[in-house]
Amino acid sequence: MEKQAAISAEIATIEAADAGTGTAQPRLDYPPYRSTLLRHPTKDPHHADPETIERWAPCFGHQDVGELEADLTVQHAGVPIGERMVVTGRVTDGDGRPVAHQLVEIWQANASGRYLHKRDQHPAPLDPNFTGVGRCLTDADGTYRFVTVKPGPYPWRNHLNAWRPAHIHFSVFGTAFTQRLITQMYFPGDPLFALDPIYQSITDPRARERLVAAYDHDVTSPEWSTGYRWDIVLTGSHQTPLEQP
């Protein structure tokens, strides 16, 4: 408990120091998030000639992304365990204009907080009917839609008794490999928010809130699934916080 209290105090001290001037994007050198001290950039970016690097990616069309890829609950013979839910929203620019026909990818832990990955050794059960990955294309209005199950929290060894809040990873591909953006979506009212250094590394409270989806009863289906709405804003003062490369 002493180490957890120390982490909480460290988070509170940084937020108090940044009050009114907090960052809207994750801090690269955020001491409570231990690995940032070892991996954050310490030198200026290398300036490359754009003509010497690959700038354009393949265009993803409906022939490349199947409709069923957006439903993570029908990818196997059986039904996955957990709270079935729909997650939907719009991808827009800073002026509210839709970003149409863009590839959106998600990946997540299962309902027990376990990823289907050999490096995930969390002693929670794997779900043989849930892989935890999906993708879709935004429509003409910039809307994406996924059917999945609510992921569980999981330990991550940043400090004693460290647990990540339930979240889903999102990737928006853009039109070039160098434009790919990655972020995380959280769920409202999670008690782990205050204790999570990754979430708290965005020291502007209003920007942090933009990572939290809203429960939407209109998206919820009777006797079938709950519904959440979460918009992704790519630019401007209300930009969605993004993971740094």
C-alpha atoms as a PDB file:
ATOM      1  CA  MET A   1       0.000   0.000   0.000  1.00  0.00           C
ATOM      2  CA  GLU A   2       2.889   2.359   0.682  1.00  0.00           C
ATOM      3  CA  LYS A   3       4.178   2.098  -2.894  1.00  0.00           C
ATOM      4  CA  GLN A   4       0.690   2.632  -4.315  1.00  0.00           C
ATOM      5  CA  ALA A   5       0.249   5.656  -2.046  1.00  0.00           C
ATOM      6  CA  ALA A   6       3.590   6.991  -3.279  1.00  0.00           C
ATOM      7  CA  ILE A   7       2.480   6.649  -6.918  1.00  0.00           C
ATOM      8  CA  SER A   8      -0.813   8.378  -6.127  1.00  0.00           C
ATOM      9  CA  ALA A   9       1.010  11.197  -4.366  1.00  0.00           C
ATOM     10  CA  GLU A  10       3.432  11.544  -7.279  1.00  0.00           C
ATOM     11  CA  ILE A  11       0.511  11.807  -9.729  1.00  0.00           C
ATOM     12  CA  ALA A  12      -1.240  14.382  -7.529  1.00  0.00           C
ATOM     13  CA  THR A  13       1.936  16.471  -7.172  1.00  0.00           C
ATOM     14  CA  ILE A  14       2.495  16.622 -10.929  1.00  0.00           C
ATOM     15  CA  GLU A  15      -1.139  17.519 -11.631  1.00  0.00           C
ATOM     16  CA  ALA A  16      -1.040  20.289  -9.011  1.00  0.00           C
ATOM     17  CA  ALA A  17       2.174  21.673 -10.524  1.00  0.00           C
ATOM     18  CA  ASP A  18       0.626  21.592 -14.009  1.00  0.00           C
ATOM     19  CA  ALA A  19      -2.696  23.117 -12.922  1.00  0.00           C
ATOM     20  CA  GLY A  20      -3.898  25.431 -15.677  1.00  0.00           C
ATOM     21  CA  THR A  21      -0.966  24.539 -17.922  1.00  0.00           C
ATOM     22  CA  GLY A  22      -1.380  20.777 -18.253  1.00  0.00           C
ATOM     23  CA  THR A  23      -0.562  18.992 -21.488  1.00  0.00           C
ATOM     24  CA  ALA A  24      -3.353  17.853 -23.800  1.00  0.00           C
ATOM     25  CA  GLN A  25      -1.161  15.022 -25.105  1.00  0.00           C
ATOM     26  CA  PRO A  26       0.636  12.358 -23.032  1.00  0.00           C
ATOM     27  CA  ARG A  27       3.854  13.586 -21.438  1.00  0.00           C
ATOM     28  CA  LEU A  28       6.852  11.778 -22.879  1.00  0.00           C
ATOM     29  CA  ASP A  29       8.764  11.860 -19.593  1.00  0.00           C
ATOM     30  CA  TYR A  30       6.112  11.181 -16.975  1.00  0.00           C
ATOM     31  CA  PRO A  31       7.898   9.745 -13.881  1.00  0.00           C
ATOM     32  CA  PRO A  32       4.939   7.724 -12.501  1.00  0.00           C
ATOM     33  CA  TYR A  33       4.833   5.879 -15.840  1.00  0.00           C
ATOM     34  CA  ARG A  34       8.205   4.255 -15.197  1.00  0.00           C
ATOM     35  CA  SER A  35       9.184   3.127 -18.698  1.00  0.00           C
ATOM     36  CA  THR A  36       8.875   6.653 -20.136  1.00  0.00           C
ATOM     37  CA  LEU A  37      12.038   7.593 -18.274  1.00  0.00           C
ATOM     38  CA  LEU A  38      13.945   4.998 -20.289  1.00  0.00           C
ATOM     39  CA  ARG A  39      12.354   5.278 -23.706  1.00  0.00           C
ATOM     40  CA  HIS A  40      11.259   8.863 -24.254  1.00  0.00           C
ATOM     41  CA  PRO A  41      13.220  10.831 -26.895  1.00  0.00           C
ATOM     42  CA  THR A  42      16.168  12.823 -25.574  1.00  0.00           C
ATOM     43  CA  LYS A  43      17.377  14.291 -28.880  1.00  0.00           C
ATOM     44  CA  ASP A  44      15.814  16.370 -31.617  1.00  0.00           C
ATOM     45  CA  PRO A  45      13.986  14.395 -34.302  1.00  0.00           C
ATOM     46  CA  HIS A  46      16.051  13.372 -37.282  1.00  0.00           C
ATOM     47  CA  HIS A  47      15.067  15.525 -40.226  1.00  0.00           C
ATOM     48  CA  ALA A  48      14.528  13.286 -43.230  1.00  0.00           C
ATOM     49  CA  ASP A  49      14.020  14.263 -46.824  1.00  0.00           C
ATOM     50  CA  PRO A  50      10.367  13.401 -47.513  1.00  0.00           C
ATOM     51  CA  GLU A  51      11.293  12.397 -51.048  1.00  0.00           C
ATOM     52  CA  THR A  52      13.506   9.603 -49.714  1.00  0.00           C
ATOM     53  CA  ILE A  53      10.904   7.906 -47.511  1.00  0.00           C
ATOM     54  CA  GLU A  54       7.760   6.018 -48.329  1.00  0.00           C
ATOM     55  CA  ARG A  55       4.862   8.435 -47.961  1.00  0.00           C
ATOM     56  CA  TRP A  56       1.875   6.704 -49.497  1.00  0.00           C
ATOM     57  CA  ALA A  57       0.107   3.609 -48.276  1.00  0.00           C
ATOM     58  CA  PRO A  58      -2.194   1.280 -50.161  1.00  0.00           C
ATOM     59  CA  CYS A  59      -5.747   2.603 -50.367  1.00  0.00           C
ATOM     60  CA  PHE A  60      -8.152   0.501 -48.327  1.00  0.00           C
ATOM     61  CA  GLY A  61     -11.488  -0.082 -49.967  1.00  0.00           C
ATOM     62  CA  HIS A  62     -14.564  -2.178 -49.310  1.00  0.00           C
ATOM     63  CA  GLN A  63     -13.003  -5.025 -51.241  1.00  0.00           C
ATOM     64  CA  ASP A  64     -10.146  -5.099 -48.705  1.00  0.00           C
ATOM     65  CA  VAL A  65     -12.102  -4.826 -45.431  1.00  0.00           C
ATOM     66  CA  GLY A  66     -14.990  -7.224 -44.928  1.00  0.00           C
ATOM     67  CA  GLU A  67     -18.151  -6.214 -43.075  1.00  0.00           C
ATOM     68  CA  LEU A  68     -17.770  -9.007 -40.503  1.00  0.00           C
ATOM     69  CA  GLU A  69     -14.342  -7.739 -39.438  1.00  0.00           C
ATOM     70  CA  ALA A  70     -16.087  -5.043 -37.386  1.00  0.00           C
ATOM     71  CA  ASP A  71     -17.967  -7.627 -35.308  1.00  0.00           C
ATOM     72  CA  LEU A  72     -15.526  -9.230 -32.853  1.00  0.00           C
ATOM     73  CA  THR A  73     -18.250 -11.520 -31.498  1.00  0.00           C
ATOM     74  CA  VAL A  74     -18.773 -13.585 -34.678  1.00  0.00           C
ATOM     75  CA  GLN A  75     -15.190 -14.400 -35.618  1.00  0.00           C
ATOM     76  CA  HIS A  76     -15.275 -17.899 -34.086  1.00  0.00           C
ATOM     77  CA  ALA A  77     -17.628 -20.855 -33.852  1.00  0.00           C
ATOM     78  CA  GLY A  78     -18.891 -19.916 -30.384  1.00  0.00           C
ATOM     79  CA  VAL A  79     -19.988 -16.785 -28.564  1.00  0.00           C
ATOM     80  CA  PRO A  80     -17.375 -14.913 -26.484  1.00  0.00           C
ATOM     81  CA  ILE A  81     -17.865 -14.428 -22.763  1.00  0.00           C
ATOM     82  CA  GLY A  82     -18.577 -10.932 -21.469  1.00  0.00           C
ATOM     83  CA  GLU A  83     -20.781  -7.882 -21.821  1.00  0.00           C
ATOM     84  CA  ARG A  84     -21.654  -7.540 -25.492  1.00  0.00           C
ATOM     85  CA  MET A  85     -21.526  -3.908 -26.576  1.00  0.00           C
ATOM     86  CA  VAL A  86     -21.535  -1.618 -29.580  1.00  0.00           C
ATOM     87  CA  VAL A  87     -18.908   1.122 -29.811  1.00  0.00           C
ATOM     88  CA  THR A  88     -19.543   3.784 -32.419  1.00  0.00           C
ATOM     89  CA  GLY A  89     -18.615   7.362 -33.189  1.00  0.00           C
ATOM     90  CA  ARG A  90     -17.298   9.728 -35.832  1.00  0.00           C
ATOM     91  CA  VAL A  91     -13.796  10.524 -37.017  1.00  0.00           C
ATOM     92  CA  THR A  92     -13.575  14.250 -37.803  1.00  0.00           C
ATOM     93  CA  ASP A  93     -11.043  16.998 -38.311  1.00  0.00           C
ATOM     94  CA  GLY A  94     -10.786  20.010 -36.033  1.00  0.00           C
ATOM     95  CA  ASP A  95     -13.600  21.795 -37.861  1.00  0.00           C
ATOM     96  CA  GLY A  96     -16.020  18.908 -37.481  1.00  0.00           C
ATOM     97  CA  ARG A  97     -15.711  17.731 -41.076  1.00  0.00           C
ATOM     98  CA  PRO A  98     -16.000  13.945 -41.479  1.00  0.00           C
ATOM     99  CA  VAL A  99     -12.956  11.872 -42.327  1.00  0.00           C
ATOM    100  CA  ALA A 100     -14.593   9.421 -44.707  1.00  0.00           C
ATOM    101  CA  HIS A 101     -13.488   5.980 -45.879  1.00  0.00           C
ATOM    102  CA  GLN A 102     -10.592   5.729 -43.441  1.00  0.00           C
ATOM    103  CA  LEU A 103      -9.373   2.489 -41.912  1.00  0.00           C
ATOM    104  CA  VAL A 104     -10.075   2.223 -38.165  1.00  0.00           C
ATOM    105  CA  GLU A 105      -8.557  -0.715 -36.289  1.00  0.00           C
ATOM    106  CA  ILE A 106      -9.101  -1.820 -32.694  1.00  0.00           C
ATOM    107  CA  TRP A 107      -7.458  -4.347 -30.388  1.00  0.00           C
ATOM    108  CA  GLN A 108      -8.267  -5.170 -26.783  1.00  0.00           C
ATOM    109  CA  ALA A 109      -8.112  -7.635 -23.921  1.00  0.00           C
ATOM    110  CA  ASN A 110     -10.936 -10.093 -23.386  1.00  0.00           C
ATOM    111  CA  ALA A 111     -13.522  -9.844 -20.608  1.00  0.00           C
ATOM    112  CA  SER A 112     -10.990 -11.323 -18.153  1.00  0.00           C
ATOM    113  CA  GLY A 113      -8.328  -8.757 -18.988  1.00  0.00           C
ATOM    114  CA  ARG A 114      -6.185 -11.106 -21.094  1.00  0.00           C
ATOM    115  CA  TYR A 115      -4.737 -10.408 -24.545  1.00  0.00           C
ATOM    116  CA  LEU A 116      -4.316 -13.205 -27.045  1.00  0.00           C
ATOM    117  CA  HIS A 117      -0.565 -12.667 -27.200  1.00  0.00           C
ATOM    118  CA  LYS A 118       2.312 -14.903 -26.150  1.00  0.00           C
ATOM    119  CA  ARG A 119       3.859 -12.115 -24.060  1.00  0.00           C
ATOM    120  CA  ASP A 120       0.711 -11.691 -21.994  1.00  0.00           C
ATOM    121  CA  GLN A 121       1.260 -13.952 -18.991  1.00  0.00           C
ATOM    122  CA  HIS A 122      -1.561 -12.536 -16.862  1.00  0.00           C
ATOM    123  CA  PRO A 123      -3.072 -15.593 -15.082  1.00  0.00           C
ATOM    124  CA  ALA A 124      -6.562 -14.943 -16.430  1.00  0.00           C
ATOM    125  CA  PRO A 125      -8.376 -17.285 -18.823  1.00  0.00           C
ATOM    126  CA  LEU A 126      -8.159 -16.953 -22.565  1.00  0.00           C
ATOM    127  CA  ASP A 127     -11.450 -17.006 -24.452  1.00  0.00           C
ATOM    128  CA  PRO A 128     -11.330 -19.462 -27.388  1.00  0.00           C
ATOM    129  CA  ASN A 129     -14.107 -17.479 -29.050  1.00  0.00           C
ATOM    130  CA  PHE A 130     -12.499 -14.046 -28.810  1.00  0.00           C
ATOM    131  CA  THR A 131      -9.393 -12.842 -30.641  1.00  0.00           C
ATOM    132  CA  GLY A 132      -9.768  -9.175 -29.680  1.00  0.00           C
ATOM    133  CA  VAL A 133      -8.999  -7.468 -33.003  1.00  0.00           C
ATOM    134  CA  GLY A 134     -11.230  -5.823 -35.597  1.00  0.00           C
ATOM    135  CA  ARG A 135     -11.322  -3.161 -38.262  1.00  0.00           C
ATOM    136  CA  CYS A 136     -13.727  -1.197 -40.406  1.00  0.00           C
ATOM    137  CA  LEU A 137     -13.898   1.750 -42.779  1.00  0.00           C
ATOM    138  CA  THR A 138     -15.597   4.985 -41.814  1.00  0.00           C
ATOM    139  CA  ASP A 139     -18.635   5.825 -43.920  1.00  0.00           C
ATOM    140  CA  ALA A 140     -19.277   9.058 -45.812  1.00  0.00           C
ATOM    141  CA  ASP A 141     -20.180  10.782 -42.525  1.00  0.00           C
ATOM    142  CA  GLY A 142     -16.970   9.612 -40.846  1.00  0.00           C
ATOM    143  CA  THR A 143     -18.826   7.065 -38.704  1.00  0.00           C
ATOM    144  CA  TYR A 144     -17.281   3.804 -37.500  1.00  0.00           C
ATOM    145  CA  ARG A 145     -19.053   0.981 -35.640  1.00  0.00           C
ATOM    146  CA  PHE A 146     -17.782  -2.093 -33.793  1.00  0.00           C
ATOM    147  CA  VAL A 147     -19.517  -4.934 -31.959  1.00  0.00           C
ATOM    148  CA  THR A 148     -17.357  -6.427 -29.217  1.00  0.00           C
ATOM    149  CA  VAL A 149     -17.280  -7.334 -25.517  1.00  0.00           C
ATOM    150  CA  LYS A 150     -16.206  -5.054 -22.718  1.00  0.00           C
ATOM    151  CA  PRO A 151     -12.550  -5.695 -21.850  1.00  0.00           C
ATOM    152  CA  GLY A 152     -11.445  -6.349 -18.291  1.00  0.00           C
ATOM    153  CA  PRO A 153      -8.705  -4.521 -16.373  1.00  0.00           C
ATOM    154  CA  TYR A 154      -5.316  -6.179 -16.072  1.00  0.00           C
ATOM    155  CA  PRO A 155      -2.078  -5.874 -14.046  1.00  0.00           C
ATOM    156  CA  TRP A 156       0.959  -4.334 -15.728  1.00  0.00           C
ATOM    157  CA  ARG A 157       3.766  -4.260 -13.131  1.00  0.00           C
ATOM    158  CA  ASN A 158       4.554  -0.558 -13.380  1.00  0.00           C
ATOM    159  CA  HIS A 159       4.453  -0.507  -9.582  1.00  0.00           C
ATOM    160  CA  LEU A 160       3.019  -2.618  -6.781  1.00  0.00           C
ATOM    161  CA  ASN A 161      -0.632  -3.547  -7.470  1.00  0.00           C
ATOM    162  CA  ALA A 162      -0.749  -1.592 -10.742  1.00  0.00           C
ATOM    163  CA  TRP A 163      -3.866  -2.246 -12.832  1.00  0.00           C
ATOM    164  CA  ARG A 164      -4.851  -0.703 -16.163  1.00  0.00           C
ATOM    165  CA  PRO A 165      -8.412   0.609 -16.481  1.00  0.00           C
ATOM    166  CA  ALA A 166     -10.530  -1.219 -19.048  1.00  0.00           C
ATOM    167  CA  HIS A 167      -9.739   0.214 -22.469  1.00  0.00           C
ATOM    168  CA  ILE A 168      -9.750  -0.399 -26.212  1.00  0.00           C
ATOM    169  CA  HIS A 169      -6.840   0.572 -28.458  1.00  0.00           C
ATOM    170  CA  PHE A 170      -7.757   2.486 -31.613  1.00  0.00           C
ATOM    171  CA  SER A 171      -5.714   3.104 -34.760  1.00  0.00           C
ATOM    172  CA  VAL A 172      -6.703   5.480 -37.563  1.00  0.00           C
ATOM    173  CA  PHE A 173      -4.583   4.805 -40.608  1.00  0.00           C
ATOM    174  CA  GLY A 174      -4.915   7.918 -42.778  1.00  0.00           C
ATOM    175  CA  THR A 175      -3.633   7.835 -46.353  1.00  0.00           C
ATOM    176  CA  ALA A 176       0.036   7.173 -45.570  1.00  0.00           C
ATOM    177  CA  PHE A 177       1.969   4.928 -43.201  1.00  0.00           C
ATOM    178  CA  THR A 178       3.481   7.995 -41.556  1.00  0.00           C
ATOM    179  CA  GLN A 179      -0.007   9.353 -40.796  1.00  0.00           C
ATOM    180  CA  ARG A 180      -1.119   6.456 -38.598  1.00  0.00           C
ATOM    181  CA  LEU A 181      -2.523   7.653 -35.267  1.00  0.00           C
ATOM    182  CA  ILE A 182      -2.999   5.469 -32.173  1.00  0.00           C
ATOM    183  CA  THR A 183      -4.995   6.190 -29.040  1.00  0.00           C
ATOM    184  CA  GLN A 184      -7.028   4.473 -26.303  1.00  0.00           C
ATOM    185  CA  MET A 185     -10.711   4.650 -25.384  1.00  0.00           C
ATOM    186  CA  TYR A 186     -11.840   4.206 -21.783  1.00  0.00           C
ATOM    187  CA  PHE A 187     -15.184   3.621 -20.094  1.00  0.00           C
ATOM    188  CA  PRO A 188     -17.004   6.083 -17.826  1.00  0.00           C
ATOM    189  CA  GLY A 189     -16.698   5.923 -14.049  1.00  0.00           C
ATOM    190  CA  ASP A 190     -13.689   3.597 -13.875  1.00  0.00           C
ATOM    191  CA  PRO A 191     -12.241   3.684 -10.313  1.00  0.00           C
ATOM    192  CA  LEU A 192      -8.756   2.939 -11.679  1.00  0.00           C
ATOM    193  CA  PHE A 193      -8.439   6.275 -13.512  1.00  0.00           C
ATOM    194  CA  ALA A 194      -6.909   8.096 -10.563  1.00  0.00           C
ATOM    195  CA  LEU A 195      -4.316   5.344 -10.075  1.00  0.00           C
ATOM    196  CA  ASP A 196      -3.266   4.819 -13.694  1.00  0.00           C
ATOM    197  CA  PRO A 197      -0.089   6.664 -14.766  1.00  0.00           C
ATOM    198  CA  ILE A 198      -0.773   6.120 -18.480  1.00  0.00           C
ATOM    199  CA  TYR A 199      -4.160   7.846 -18.288  1.00  0.00           C
ATOM    200  CA  GLN A 200      -2.797  10.493 -15.929  1.00  0.00           C
ATOM    201  CA  SER A 201       0.206  11.261 -18.172  1.00  0.00           C
ATOM    202  CA  ILE A 202      -2.217  13.610 -19.957  1.00  0.00           C
ATOM    203  CA  THR A 203      -2.064  16.305 -17.292  1.00  0.00           C
ATOM    204  CA  ASP A 204      -4.887  18.449 -18.693  1.00  0.00           C
ATOM    205  CA  PRO A 205      -8.057  17.017 -17.053  1.00  0.00           C
ATOM    206  CA  ARG A 206     -10.310  18.189 -19.890  1.00  0.00           C
ATOM    207  CA  ALA A 207      -8.117  16.459 -22.457  1.00  0.00           C
ATOM    208  CA  ARG A 208      -8.141  13.246 -20.406  1.00  0.00           C
ATOM    209  CA  GLU A 209     -11.922  13.276 -20.430  1.00  0.00           C
ATOM    210  CA  ARG A 210     -11.871  13.188 -24.230  1.00  0.00           C
ATOM    211  CA  LEU A 211     -10.546   9.625 -23.977  1.00  0.00           C
ATOM    212  CA  VAL A 212     -13.644   8.442 -22.092  1.00  0.00           C
ATOM    213  CA  ALA A 213     -16.594   7.114 -24.080  1.00  0.00           C
ATOM    214  CA  ALA A 214     -20.149   8.019 -23.148  1.00  0.00           C
ATOM    215  CA  TYR A 215     -22.838   5.439 -22.505  1.00  0.00           C
ATOM    216  CA  ASP A 216     -25.541   5.965 -25.156  1.00  0.00           C
ATOM    217  CA  HIS A 217     -28.928   4.397 -24.550  1.00  0.00           C
ATOM    218  CA  ASP A 218     -29.914   5.016 -28.171  1.00  0.00           C
ATOM    219  CA  VAL A 219     -27.008   2.827 -29.279  1.00  0.00           C
ATOM    220  CA  THR A 220     -27.964   0.156 -26.736  1.00  0.00           C
ATOM    221  CA  SER A 221     -30.088  -2.684 -28.180  1.00  0.00           C
ATOM    222  CA  PRO A 222     -32.883  -4.314 -26.126  1.00  0.00           C
ATOM    223  CA  GLU A 223     -31.814  -7.693 -24.733  1.00  0.00           C
ATOM    224  CA  TRP A 224     -28.722  -7.691 -26.936  1.00  0.00           C
ATOM    225  CA  SER A 225     -25.982  -5.158 -26.183  1.00  0.00           C
ATOM    226  CA  THR A 226     -25.066  -1.976 -24.357  1.00  0.00           C
ATOM    227  CA  GLY A 227     -23.919   0.989 -26.418  1.00  0.00           C
ATOM    228  CA  TYR A 228     -21.118   3.523 -26.159  1.00  0.00           C
ATOM    229  CA  ARG A 229     -20.324   6.541 -28.295  1.00  0.00           C
ATOM    230  CA  TRP A 230     -16.821   7.934 -28.736  1.00  0.00           C
ATOM    231  CA  ASP A 231     -15.699  10.467 -31.338  1.00  0.00           C
ATOM    232  CA  ILE A 232     -12.123  10.843 -32.572  1.00  0.00           C
ATOM    233  CA  VAL A 233     -11.008  14.383 -33.441  1.00  0.00           C
ATOM    234  CA  LEU A 234      -7.769  14.447 -35.401  1.00  0.00           C
ATOM    235  CA  THR A 235      -6.772  18.125 -35.176  1.00  0.00           C
ATOM    236  CA  GLY A 236      -7.564  21.373 -33.406  1.00  0.00           C
ATOM    237  CA  SER A 237      -8.076  22.451 -29.810  1.00  0.00           C
ATOM    238  CA  HIS A 238     -10.328  19.468 -29.071  1.00  0.00           C
ATOM    239  CA  GLN A 239      -7.990  16.894 -30.594  1.00  0.00           C
ATOM    240  CA  THR A 240      -8.208  13.406 -29.137  1.00  0.00           C
ATOM    241  CA  PRO A 241      -5.040  12.654 -27.101  1.00  0.00           C
ATOM    242  CA  LEU A 242      -2.782  10.300 -29.032  1.00  0.00           C
ATOM    243  CA  GLU A 243      -0.074   7.841 -28.081  1.00  0.00           C
ATOM    244  CA  GLN A 244       3.359   9.173 -28.913  1.00  0.00           C
ATOM    245  CA  PRO A 245       5.622   7.209 -31.297  1.00  0.00           C
END
